[in-house]
Amino acid sequence: FYLGKSVTGPTPHDVLEVPVFYTICLLSS
């Protein structure tokens, strides 16, 4: 609901990196 409604930055596109390795670790568990 609040996605993209921030008046100031940073935005998800600016700062988030996709945690592929750590996701694989969790799903493998």
PDB file of all heavy atoms in Angstrom:
ATOM      1  N   PHE A   1       0.826  -1.201   0.000  1.00  0.00           N
ATOM      2  CA  PHE A   1       0.000   0.000   0.000  1.00  0.00           C
ATOM      3  C   PHE A   1       0.868   1.261   0.000  1.00  0.00           C
ATOM      4  O   PHE A   1       0.559   2.234  -0.702  1.00  0.00           O
ATOM      5  CB  PHE A   1      -0.935  -0.004   1.214  1.00  0.00           C
ATOM      6  CG  PHE A   1      -1.831   1.193   1.267  1.00  0.00           C
ATOM      7  CD1 PHE A   1      -2.963   1.267   0.471  1.00  0.00           C
ATOM      8  CD2 PHE A   1      -1.542   2.263   2.105  1.00  0.00           C
ATOM      9  CE1 PHE A   1      -3.794   2.379   0.499  1.00  0.00           C
ATOM     10  CE2 PHE A   1      -2.364   3.384   2.146  1.00  0.00           C
ATOM     11  CZ  PHE A   1      -3.496   3.438   1.348  1.00  0.00           C
ATOM     12  N   TYR A   2       1.937   1.261   0.786  1.00  0.00           N
ATOM     13  CA  TYR A   2       2.781   2.454   0.900  1.00  0.00           C
ATOM     14  C   TYR A   2       3.937   2.480  -0.097  1.00  0.00           C
ATOM     15  O   TYR A   2       4.713   3.429  -0.106  1.00  0.00           O
ATOM     16  CB  TYR A   2       3.320   2.588   2.328  1.00  0.00           C
ATOM     17  CG  TYR A   2       2.240   2.962   3.304  1.00  0.00           C
ATOM     18  CD1 TYR A   2       1.826   2.070   4.284  1.00  0.00           C
ATOM     19  CD2 TYR A   2       1.610   4.203   3.242  1.00  0.00           C
ATOM     20  CE1 TYR A   2       0.819   2.407   5.178  1.00  0.00           C
ATOM     21  CE2 TYR A   2       0.602   4.551   4.119  1.00  0.00           C
ATOM     22  CZ  TYR A   2       0.214   3.655   5.089  1.00  0.00           C
ATOM     23  OH  TYR A   2      -0.778   3.995   5.957  1.00  0.00           O
ATOM     24  N   LEU A   3       4.035   1.477  -0.933  1.00  0.00           N
ATOM     25  CA  LEU A   3       5.115   1.413  -1.919  1.00  0.00           C
ATOM     26  C   LEU A   3       5.049   2.607  -2.873  1.00  0.00           C
ATOM     27  O   LEU A   3       4.010   2.893  -3.468  1.00  0.00           O
ATOM     28  CB  LEU A   3       5.011   0.103  -2.711  1.00  0.00           C
ATOM     29  CG  LEU A   3       6.157  -0.232  -3.638  1.00  0.00           C
ATOM     30  CD1 LEU A   3       7.454  -0.400  -2.841  1.00  0.00           C
ATOM     31  CD2 LEU A   3       5.865  -1.525  -4.382  1.00  0.00           C
ATOM     32  N   GLY A   4       6.132   3.319  -2.968  1.00  0.00           N
ATOM     33  CA  GLY A   4       6.215   4.466  -3.861  1.00  0.00           C
ATOM     34  C   GLY A   4       5.580   5.732  -3.328  1.00  0.00           C
ATOM     35  O   GLY A   4       5.493   6.728  -4.049  1.00  0.00           O
ATOM     36  N   LYS A   5       5.146   5.742  -2.070  1.00  0.00           N
ATOM     37  CA  LYS A   5       4.477   6.916  -1.518  1.00  0.00           C
ATOM     38  C   LYS A   5       5.389   7.743  -0.616  1.00  0.00           C
ATOM     39  O   LYS A   5       4.932   8.693   0.003  1.00  0.00           O
ATOM     40  CB  LYS A   5       3.220   6.496  -0.758  1.00  0.00           C
ATOM     41  CG  LYS A   5       2.169   5.910  -1.689  1.00  0.00           C
ATOM     42  CD  LYS A   5       0.877   5.611  -0.992  1.00  0.00           C
ATOM     43  CE  LYS A   5      -0.118   5.058  -2.017  1.00  0.00           C
ATOM     44  NZ  LYS A   5      -1.349   4.620  -1.410  1.00  0.00           N
ATOM     45  N   SER A   6       6.672   7.366  -0.547  1.00  0.00           N
ATOM     46  CA  SER A   6       7.605   8.149   0.262  1.00  0.00           C
ATOM     47  C   SER A   6       7.855   9.493  -0.403  1.00  0.00           C
ATOM     48  O   SER A   6       8.104   9.565  -1.613  1.00  0.00           O
ATOM     49  CB  SER A   6       8.930   7.406   0.429  1.00  0.00           C
ATOM     50  OG  SER A   6       8.756   6.254   1.211  1.00  0.00           O
ATOM     51  N   VAL A   7       7.808  10.553   0.376  1.00  0.00           N
ATOM     52  CA  VAL A   7       8.037  11.900  -0.147  1.00  0.00           C
ATOM     53  C   VAL A   7       9.528  12.142  -0.343  1.00  0.00           C
ATOM     54  O   VAL A   7       9.944  12.827  -1.269  1.00  0.00           O
ATOM     55  CB  VAL A   7       7.429  12.950   0.821  1.00  0.00           C
ATOM     56  CG1 VAL A   7       7.681  14.358   0.316  1.00  0.00           C
ATOM     57  CG2 VAL A   7       5.937  12.702   0.992  1.00  0.00           C
ATOM     58  N   THR A   8      10.346  11.568   0.525  1.00  0.00           N
ATOM     59  CA  THR A   8      11.799  11.740   0.446  1.00  0.00           C
ATOM     60  C   THR A   8      12.458  10.398   0.175  1.00  0.00           C
ATOM     61  O   THR A   8      11.853   9.341   0.344  1.00  0.00           O
ATOM     62  CB  THR A   8      12.347  12.301   1.773  1.00  0.00           C
ATOM     63  OG1 THR A   8      12.055  11.379   2.822  1.00  0.00           O
ATOM     64  CG2 THR A   8      11.727  13.655   2.092  1.00  0.00           C
ATOM     65  N   GLY A   9      13.721  10.455  -0.239  1.00  0.00           N
ATOM     66  CA  GLY A   9      14.503   9.247  -0.504  1.00  0.00           C
ATOM     67  C   GLY A   9      15.192   8.759   0.742  1.00  0.00           C
ATOM     68  O   GLY A   9      15.056   9.361   1.802  1.00  0.00           O
ATOM     69  N   PRO A  10      15.886   7.678   0.641  1.00  0.00           N
ATOM     70  CA  PRO A  10      16.117   6.858  -0.559  1.00  0.00           C
ATOM     71  C   PRO A  10      14.914   5.960  -0.875  1.00  0.00           C
ATOM     72  O   PRO A  10      14.092   5.692  -0.015  1.00  0.00           O
ATOM     73  CB  PRO A  10      17.332   6.021  -0.167  1.00  0.00           C
ATOM     74  CG  PRO A  10      17.280   5.907   1.309  1.00  0.00           C
ATOM     75  CD  PRO A  10      16.648   7.168   1.812  1.00  0.00           C
ATOM     76  N   THR A  11      14.877   5.510  -2.121  1.00  0.00           N
ATOM     77  CA  THR A  11      13.811   4.621  -2.575  1.00  0.00           C
ATOM     78  C   THR A  11      14.359   3.187  -2.631  1.00  0.00           C
ATOM     79  O   THR A  11      15.572   2.990  -2.595  1.00  0.00           O
ATOM     80  CB  THR A  11      13.327   5.036  -3.971  1.00  0.00           C
ATOM     81  OG1 THR A  11      14.397   4.833  -4.904  1.00  0.00           O
ATOM     82  CG2 THR A  11      12.877   6.489  -4.005  1.00  0.00           C
ATOM     83  N   PRO A  12      13.482   2.208  -2.723  1.00  0.00           N
ATOM     84  CA  PRO A  12      13.962   0.823  -2.821  1.00  0.00           C
ATOM     85  C   PRO A  12      14.924   0.617  -3.992  1.00  0.00           C
ATOM     86  O   PRO A  12      15.926  -0.089  -3.854  1.00  0.00           O
ATOM     87  CB  PRO A  12      12.681   0.011  -3.011  1.00  0.00           C
ATOM     88  CG  PRO A  12      11.597   0.853  -2.464  1.00  0.00           C
ATOM     89  CD  PRO A  12      12.025   2.270  -2.673  1.00  0.00           C
ATOM     90  N   HIS A  13      14.614   1.253  -5.122  1.00  0.00           N
ATOM     91  CA  HIS A  13      15.473   1.109  -6.303  1.00  0.00           C
ATOM     92  C   HIS A  13      16.880   1.653  -6.047  1.00  0.00           C
ATOM     93  O   HIS A  13      17.865   1.127  -6.563  1.00  0.00           O
ATOM     94  CB  HIS A  13      14.837   1.816  -7.501  1.00  0.00           C
ATOM     95  CG  HIS A  13      15.632   1.690  -8.760  1.00  0.00           C
ATOM     96  ND1 HIS A  13      15.702   0.501  -9.460  1.00  0.00           N
ATOM     97  CD2 HIS A  13      16.401   2.584  -9.420  1.00  0.00           C
ATOM     98  CE1 HIS A  13      16.493   0.680 -10.510  1.00  0.00           C
ATOM     99  NE2 HIS A  13      16.924   1.930 -10.519  1.00  0.00           N
ATOM    100  N   ASP A  14      16.974   2.684  -5.220  1.00  0.00           N
ATOM    101  CA  ASP A  14      18.268   3.307  -4.941  1.00  0.00           C
ATOM    102  C   ASP A  14      19.161   2.449  -4.048  1.00  0.00           C
ATOM    103  O   ASP A  14      20.385   2.481  -4.194  1.00  0.00           O
ATOM    104  CB  ASP A  14      18.080   4.663  -4.241  1.00  0.00           C
ATOM    105  CG  ASP A  14      17.352   5.666  -5.114  1.00  0.00           C
ATOM    106  OD1 ASP A  14      17.432   5.559  -6.352  1.00  0.00           O
ATOM    107  OD2 ASP A  14      16.671   6.551  -4.539  1.00  0.00           O
ATOM    108  N   VAL A  15      18.574   1.716  -3.102  1.00  0.00           N
ATOM    109  CA  VAL A  15      19.403   1.116  -2.052  1.00  0.00           C
ATOM    110  C   VAL A  15      19.324  -0.407  -1.923  1.00  0.00           C
ATOM    111  O   VAL A  15      20.232  -1.017  -1.353  1.00  0.00           O
ATOM    112  CB  VAL A  15      19.062   1.730  -0.674  1.00  0.00           C
ATOM    113  CG1 VAL A  15      19.408   3.203  -0.651  1.00  0.00           C
ATOM    114  CG2 VAL A  15      17.616   1.511  -0.288  1.00  0.00           C
ATOM    115  N   LEU A  16      18.278  -1.041  -2.425  1.00  0.00           N
ATOM    116  CA  LEU A  16      18.145  -2.486  -2.211  1.00  0.00           C
ATOM    117  C   LEU A  16      18.937  -3.296  -3.219  1.00  0.00           C
ATOM    118  O   LEU A  16      18.913  -3.020  -4.415  1.00  0.00           O
ATOM    119  CB  LEU A  16      16.674  -2.906  -2.268  1.00  0.00           C
ATOM    120  CG  LEU A  16      15.787  -2.482  -1.113  1.00  0.00           C
ATOM    121  CD1 LEU A  16      14.387  -3.071  -1.283  1.00  0.00           C
ATOM    122  CD2 LEU A  16      16.369  -2.888   0.227  1.00  0.00           C
ATOM    123  N   GLU A  17      19.634  -4.288  -2.698  1.00  0.00           N
ATOM    124  CA  GLU A  17      20.307  -5.278  -3.537  1.00  0.00           C
ATOM    125  C   GLU A  17      19.620  -6.612  -3.283  1.00  0.00           C
ATOM    126  O   GLU A  17      19.265  -6.919  -2.140  1.00  0.00           O
ATOM    127  CB  GLU A  17      21.791  -5.364  -3.166  1.00  0.00           C
ATOM    128  CG  GLU A  17      22.551  -4.076  -3.442  1.00  0.00           C
ATOM    129  CD  GLU A  17      23.983  -4.117  -2.914  1.00  0.00           C
ATOM    130  OE1 GLU A  17      24.418  -5.185  -2.422  1.00  0.00           O
ATOM    131  OE2 GLU A  17      24.649  -3.081  -2.983  1.00  0.00           O
ATOM    132  N   VAL A  18      19.438  -7.409  -4.308  1.00  0.00           N
ATOM    133  CA  VAL A  18      18.710  -8.663  -4.170  1.00  0.00           C
ATOM    134  C   VAL A  18      19.597  -9.697  -3.466  1.00  0.00           C
ATOM    135  O   VAL A  18      20.664 -10.035  -3.967  1.00  0.00           O
ATOM    136  CB  VAL A  18      18.262  -9.186  -5.550  1.00  0.00           C
ATOM    137  CG1 VAL A  18      17.461 -10.470  -5.407  1.00  0.00           C
ATOM    138  CG2 VAL A  18      17.445  -8.129  -6.284  1.00  0.00           C
ATOM    139  N   PRO A  19      19.159 -10.211  -2.303  1.00  0.00           N
ATOM    140  CA  PRO A  19      19.972 -11.155  -1.532  1.00  0.00           C
ATOM    141  C   PRO A  19      19.809 -12.602  -2.018  1.00  0.00           C
ATOM    142  O   PRO A  19      19.274 -13.467  -1.313  1.00  0.00           O
ATOM    143  CB  PRO A  19      19.438 -10.981  -0.109  1.00  0.00           C
ATOM    144  CG  PRO A  19      18.003 -10.636  -0.310  1.00  0.00           C
ATOM    145  CD  PRO A  19      17.941  -9.838  -1.583  1.00  0.00           C
ATOM    146  N   VAL A  20      20.309 -12.873  -3.212  1.00  0.00           N
ATOM    147  CA  VAL A  20      20.108 -14.187  -3.828  1.00  0.00           C
ATOM    148  C   VAL A  20      20.786 -15.284  -3.014  1.00  0.00           C
ATOM    149  O   VAL A  20      20.171 -16.310  -2.688  1.00  0.00           O
ATOM    150  CB  VAL A  20      20.619 -14.182  -5.286  1.00  0.00           C
ATOM    151  CG1 VAL A  20      20.531 -15.572  -5.891  1.00  0.00           C
ATOM    152  CG2 VAL A  20      19.836 -13.188  -6.120  1.00  0.00           C
ATOM    153  N   PHE A  21      22.063 -15.096  -2.665  1.00  0.00           N
ATOM    154  CA  PHE A  21      22.809 -16.135  -1.956  1.00  0.00           C
ATOM    155  C   PHE A  21      22.152 -16.474  -0.623  1.00  0.00           C
ATOM    156  O   PHE A  21      21.964 -17.651  -0.284  1.00  0.00           O
ATOM    157  CB  PHE A  21      24.260 -15.706  -1.729  1.00  0.00           C
ATOM    158  CG  PHE A  21      25.033 -16.652  -0.857  1.00  0.00           C
ATOM    159  CD1 PHE A  21      25.437 -17.887  -1.348  1.00  0.00           C
ATOM    160  CD2 PHE A  21      25.328 -16.323   0.460  1.00  0.00           C
ATOM    161  CE1 PHE A  21      26.130 -18.782  -0.535  1.00  0.00           C
ATOM    162  CE2 PHE A  21      26.022 -17.203   1.275  1.00  0.00           C
ATOM    163  CZ  PHE A  21      26.431 -18.439   0.783  1.00  0.00           C
ATOM    164  N   TYR A  22      21.787 -15.464   0.140  1.00  0.00           N
ATOM    165  CA  TYR A  22      21.198 -15.706   1.459  1.00  0.00           C
ATOM    166  C   TYR A  22      19.798 -16.306   1.353  1.00  0.00           C
ATOM    167  O   TYR A  22      19.378 -17.085   2.214  1.00  0.00           O
ATOM    168  CB  TYR A  22      21.201 -14.415   2.284  1.00  0.00           C
ATOM    169  CG  TYR A  22      22.618 -13.929   2.514  1.00  0.00           C
ATOM    170  CD1 TYR A  22      23.078 -12.755   1.933  1.00  0.00           C
ATOM    171  CD2 TYR A  22      23.499 -14.682   3.276  1.00  0.00           C
ATOM    172  CE1 TYR A  22      24.384 -12.327   2.122  1.00  0.00           C
ATOM    173  CE2 TYR A  22      24.809 -14.266   3.469  1.00  0.00           C
ATOM    174  CZ  TYR A  22      25.251 -13.094   2.895  1.00  0.00           C
ATOM    175  OH  TYR A  22      26.547 -12.694   3.073  1.00  0.00           O
ATOM    176  N   THR A  23      19.097 -15.977   0.288  1.00  0.00           N
ATOM    177  CA  THR A  23      17.792 -16.601   0.041  1.00  0.00           C
ATOM    178  C   THR A  23      17.968 -18.083  -0.265  1.00  0.00           C
ATOM    179  O   THR A  23      17.227 -18.927   0.249  1.00  0.00           O
ATOM    180  CB  THR A  23      17.069 -15.888  -1.117  1.00  0.00           C
ATOM    181  OG1 THR A  23      16.832 -14.533  -0.733  1.00  0.00           O
ATOM    182  CG2 THR A  23      15.758 -16.563  -1.461  1.00  0.00           C
ATOM    183  N   ILE A  24      18.969 -18.412  -1.072  1.00  0.00           N
ATOM    184  CA  ILE A  24      19.254 -19.821  -1.374  1.00  0.00           C
ATOM    185  C   ILE A  24      19.609 -20.572  -0.091  1.00  0.00           C
ATOM    186  O   ILE A  24      19.167 -21.703   0.128  1.00  0.00           O
ATOM    187  CB  ILE A  24      20.380 -19.932  -2.426  1.00  0.00           C
ATOM    188  CG1 ILE A  24      19.870 -19.445  -3.786  1.00  0.00           C
ATOM    189  CG2 ILE A  24      20.898 -21.366  -2.526  1.00  0.00           C
ATOM    190  CD1 ILE A  24      20.947 -19.286  -4.841  1.00  0.00           C
ATOM    191  N   CYS A  25      20.381 -19.929   0.786  1.00  0.00           N
ATOM    192  CA  CYS A  25      20.733 -20.553   2.071  1.00  0.00           C
ATOM    193  C   CYS A  25      19.479 -20.882   2.874  1.00  0.00           C
ATOM    194  O   CYS A  25      19.318 -22.008   3.367  1.00  0.00           O
ATOM    195  CB  CYS A  25      21.633 -19.634   2.894  1.00  0.00           C
ATOM    196  SG  CYS A  25      23.314 -19.485   2.282  1.00  0.00           S
ATOM    197  N   LEU A  26      18.578 -19.909   2.994  1.00  0.00           N
ATOM    198  CA  LEU A  26      17.375 -20.132   3.799  1.00  0.00           C
ATOM    199  C   LEU A  26      16.485 -21.207   3.187  1.00  0.00           C
ATOM    200  O   LEU A  26      15.999 -22.094   3.893  1.00  0.00           O
ATOM    201  CB  LEU A  26      16.593 -18.826   3.976  1.00  0.00           C
ATOM    202  CG  LEU A  26      15.427 -18.913   4.960  1.00  0.00           C
ATOM    203  CD1 LEU A  26      15.928 -19.203   6.369  1.00  0.00           C
ATOM    204  CD2 LEU A  26      14.604 -17.648   4.947  1.00  0.00           C
ATOM    205  N   LEU A  27      16.275 -21.145   1.895  1.00  0.00           N
ATOM    206  CA  LEU A  27      15.413 -22.135   1.253  1.00  0.00           C
ATOM    207  C   LEU A  27      16.034 -23.531   1.288  1.00  0.00           C
ATOM    208  O   LEU A  27      15.327 -24.535   1.424  1.00  0.00           O
ATOM    209  CB  LEU A  27      15.085 -21.710  -0.172  1.00  0.00           C
ATOM    210  CG  LEU A  27      14.310 -20.390  -0.296  1.00  0.00           C
ATOM    211  CD1 LEU A  27      14.001 -20.072  -1.742  1.00  0.00           C
ATOM    212  CD2 LEU A  27      13.037 -20.412   0.537  1.00  0.00           C
ATOM    213  N   SER A  28      17.353 -23.607   1.212  1.00  0.00           N
ATOM    214  CA  SER A  28      18.032 -24.904   1.322  1.00  0.00           C
ATOM    215  C   SER A  28      17.862 -25.501   2.704  1.00  0.00           C
ATOM    216  O   SER A  28      17.831 -26.724   2.867  1.00  0.00           O
ATOM    217  CB  SER A  28      19.527 -24.747   1.015  1.00  0.00           C
ATOM    218  OG  SER A  28      19.721 -24.300  -0.296  1.00  0.00           O
ATOM    219  N   SER A  29      17.734 -24.642   3.710  1.00  0.00           N
ATOM    220  CA  SER A  29      17.567 -25.150   5.072  1.00  0.00           C
ATOM    221  C   SER A  29      16.245 -25.901   5.244  1.00  0.00           C
ATOM    222  O   SER A  29      16.125 -26.748   6.123  1.00  0.00           O
ATOM    223  CB  SER A  29      17.675 -24.005   6.080  1.00  0.00           C
ATOM    224  OG  SER A  29      16.542 -23.157   6.021  1.00  0.00           O
TER     225      SER A  29
END
